């Protein structure tokens, strides 16, 4: 990348002071790095909009559902590998994912919805 592109990114950083990290354009190789350039208040609103229903699911439920969502996405939406990672029965994963989908209004079989949820998790 050239100096002009690095300068463009520097301008973005200046308008997003609460960004968690600074990156050069050539480092923007994934969703997490892309989100690093989004202003903190925008990430916070997005996170609350997408994950808010889960965080309001109740004290014990919220943490469990967020963990299940994170592990499910990290294991490429594999029911079996998620169950193994969480040390629960696969039916428990099915139940929790159904609850996540109901609360968020998102369908985890759809790529767009999975990306929305993953971006919201990375915005924490």
Protein backbone atom coordinates (compact mmCIF):
# COMPACT_ATOMS: atom_id res chain seq x y z
CA UNK A 1 0.00 0.00 0.00
CA UNK A 2 1.16 3.50 -0.66
CA UNK A 3 1.52 6.53 1.60
CA UNK A 4 -1.79 8.02 0.42
CA UNK A 5 -3.70 4.92 1.50
CA UNK A 6 -1.95 4.91 4.88
CA UNK A 7 -2.87 8.60 5.20
CA UNK A 8 -6.52 7.78 4.42
CA UNK A 9 -6.53 5.22 7.20
CA UNK A 10 -4.89 7.71 9.55
CA UNK A 11 -7.77 10.10 8.82
CA UNK A 12 -10.22 7.34 9.71
CA UNK A 13 -8.37 6.73 12.97
CA UNK A 14 -8.55 10.44 13.78
CA UNK A 15 -12.33 10.38 13.42
CA UNK A 16 -12.58 7.17 15.46
CA UNK A 17 -10.57 7.84 18.63
CA UNK A 18 -12.18 5.03 20.59
CA UNK A 19 -11.07 2.41 18.09
CA UNK A 20 -9.49 -0.52 19.93
CA UNK A 21 -6.46 -0.77 17.68
CA UNK A 22 -4.70 0.95 14.83
CA UNK A 23 -4.03 -0.87 11.57
CA UNK A 24 -2.40 -0.10 8.28
CA UNK A 25 -4.43 -0.74 5.13
CA UNK A 26 -2.33 -3.77 4.25
CA UNK A 27 -3.31 -5.27 7.63
CA UNK A 28 -7.03 -5.15 6.84
CA UNK A 29 -7.36 -8.82 6.07
CA UNK A 30 -10.38 -9.84 8.09
CA UNK A 31 -13.58 -8.72 9.72
CA UNK A 32 -11.94 -8.09 13.10
CA UNK A 33 -9.39 -5.69 11.62
CA UNK A 34 -12.04 -3.99 9.52
CA UNK A 35 -14.16 -3.38 12.62
CA UNK A 36 -11.15 -1.89 14.40
CA UNK A 37 -11.55 1.18 12.18
CA UNK A 38 -15.21 1.67 13.08
CA UNK A 39 -15.81 4.27 15.80
CA UNK A 40 -16.43 2.77 19.23
CA UNK A 41 -19.88 4.29 19.65
CA UNK A 42 -20.97 2.84 16.28
CA UNK A 43 -19.70 -0.62 17.28
CA UNK A 44 -21.52 -0.28 20.60
CA UNK A 45 -24.83 0.60 18.93
CA UNK A 46 -24.42 -2.23 16.43
CA UNK A 47 -23.56 -4.72 19.18
CA UNK A 48 -26.56 -3.68 21.24
CA UNK A 49 -28.88 -3.81 18.24
CA UNK A 50 -27.79 -7.31 17.22
CA UNK A 51 -26.91 -8.94 20.57
CA UNK A 52 -29.15 -6.92 22.89
CA UNK A 53 -31.93 -9.50 22.92
CA UNK A 54 -29.42 -12.12 24.08
CA UNK A 55 -27.92 -9.92 26.78
CA UNK A 56 -31.41 -9.28 28.14
CA UNK A 57 -32.30 -12.98 28.20
CA UNK A 58 -31.61 -13.23 31.90
CA UNK A 59 -28.43 -13.31 33.92
CA UNK A 60 -27.54 -16.99 33.53
CA UNK A 61 -29.10 -17.36 30.11
CA UNK A 62 -27.34 -14.38 28.57
CA UNK A 63 -23.83 -15.65 29.27
CA UNK A 64 -24.73 -19.19 28.21
CA UNK A 65 -26.33 -18.08 24.94
CA UNK A 66 -23.47 -15.75 24.06
CA UNK A 67 -20.93 -18.49 24.77
CA UNK A 68 -22.91 -20.97 22.69
CA UNK A 69 -23.15 -18.51 19.80
CA UNK A 70 -19.43 -17.79 19.94
CA UNK A 71 -18.45 -21.48 20.06
CA UNK A 72 -21.00 -22.44 17.39
CA UNK A 73 -19.62 -19.83 14.98
CA UNK A 74 -16.02 -20.70 15.87
CA UNK A 75 -16.74 -24.33 15.00
CA UNK A 76 -18.24 -23.44 11.61
CA UNK A 77 -21.78 -24.09 12.84
CA UNK A 78 -21.05 -27.75 13.54
CA UNK A 79 -23.57 -29.08 16.04
CA UNK A 80 -21.35 -31.97 17.09
CA UNK A 81 -18.12 -30.02 17.52
CA UNK A 82 -19.95 -27.28 19.39
CA UNK A 83 -21.49 -29.82 21.75
CA UNK A 84 -18.08 -31.38 22.36
CA UNK A 85 -16.44 -28.00 22.99
CA UNK A 86 -19.17 -26.97 25.43
CA UNK A 87 -19.36 -30.42 27.05
CA UNK A 88 -23.10 -30.65 26.45
CA UNK A 89 -25.40 -32.93 24.47
CA UNK A 90 -25.94 -32.01 20.81
CA UNK A 91 -29.66 -31.53 21.54
CA UNK A 92 -28.71 -28.82 24.03
CA UNK A 93 -26.85 -27.00 21.26
CA UNK A 94 -29.92 -27.31 18.99
CA UNK A 95 -32.11 -25.87 21.74
CA UNK A 96 -29.73 -22.99 22.49
CA UNK A 97 -29.24 -22.10 18.81
CA UNK A 98 -33.01 -22.11 18.29
CA UNK A 99 -33.33 -19.76 21.26
CA UNK A 100 -30.58 -17.49 19.86
CA UNK A 101 -32.38 -17.39 16.52
CA UNK A 102 -35.72 -16.61 18.15
CA UNK A 103 -34.33 -13.85 20.35
CA UNK A 104 -32.21 -12.18 17.66
CA UNK A 105 -34.53 -12.74 14.71
CA UNK A 106 -31.58 -14.16 12.80
CA UNK A 107 -31.26 -17.54 11.08
CA UNK A 108 -27.87 -19.16 11.70
CA UNK A 109 -28.22 -21.25 8.55
CA UNK A 110 -27.93 -18.01 6.53
CA UNK A 111 -24.45 -16.62 5.88
CA UNK A 112 -25.57 -12.99 6.15
CA UNK A 113 -27.07 -13.60 9.59
CA UNK A 114 -23.97 -15.49 10.77
CA UNK A 115 -21.77 -12.59 9.63
CA UNK A 116 -24.01 -10.09 11.43
CA UNK A 117 -23.77 -12.06 14.67
CA UNK A 118 -20.02 -12.60 14.31
CA UNK A 119 -19.45 -8.89 13.68
CA UNK A 120 -21.52 -8.05 16.75
CA UNK A 121 -19.47 -10.47 18.86
CA UNK A 122 -16.25 -8.91 17.56
CA UNK A 123 -17.62 -5.46 18.41
CA UNK A 124 -17.54 -6.24 22.15
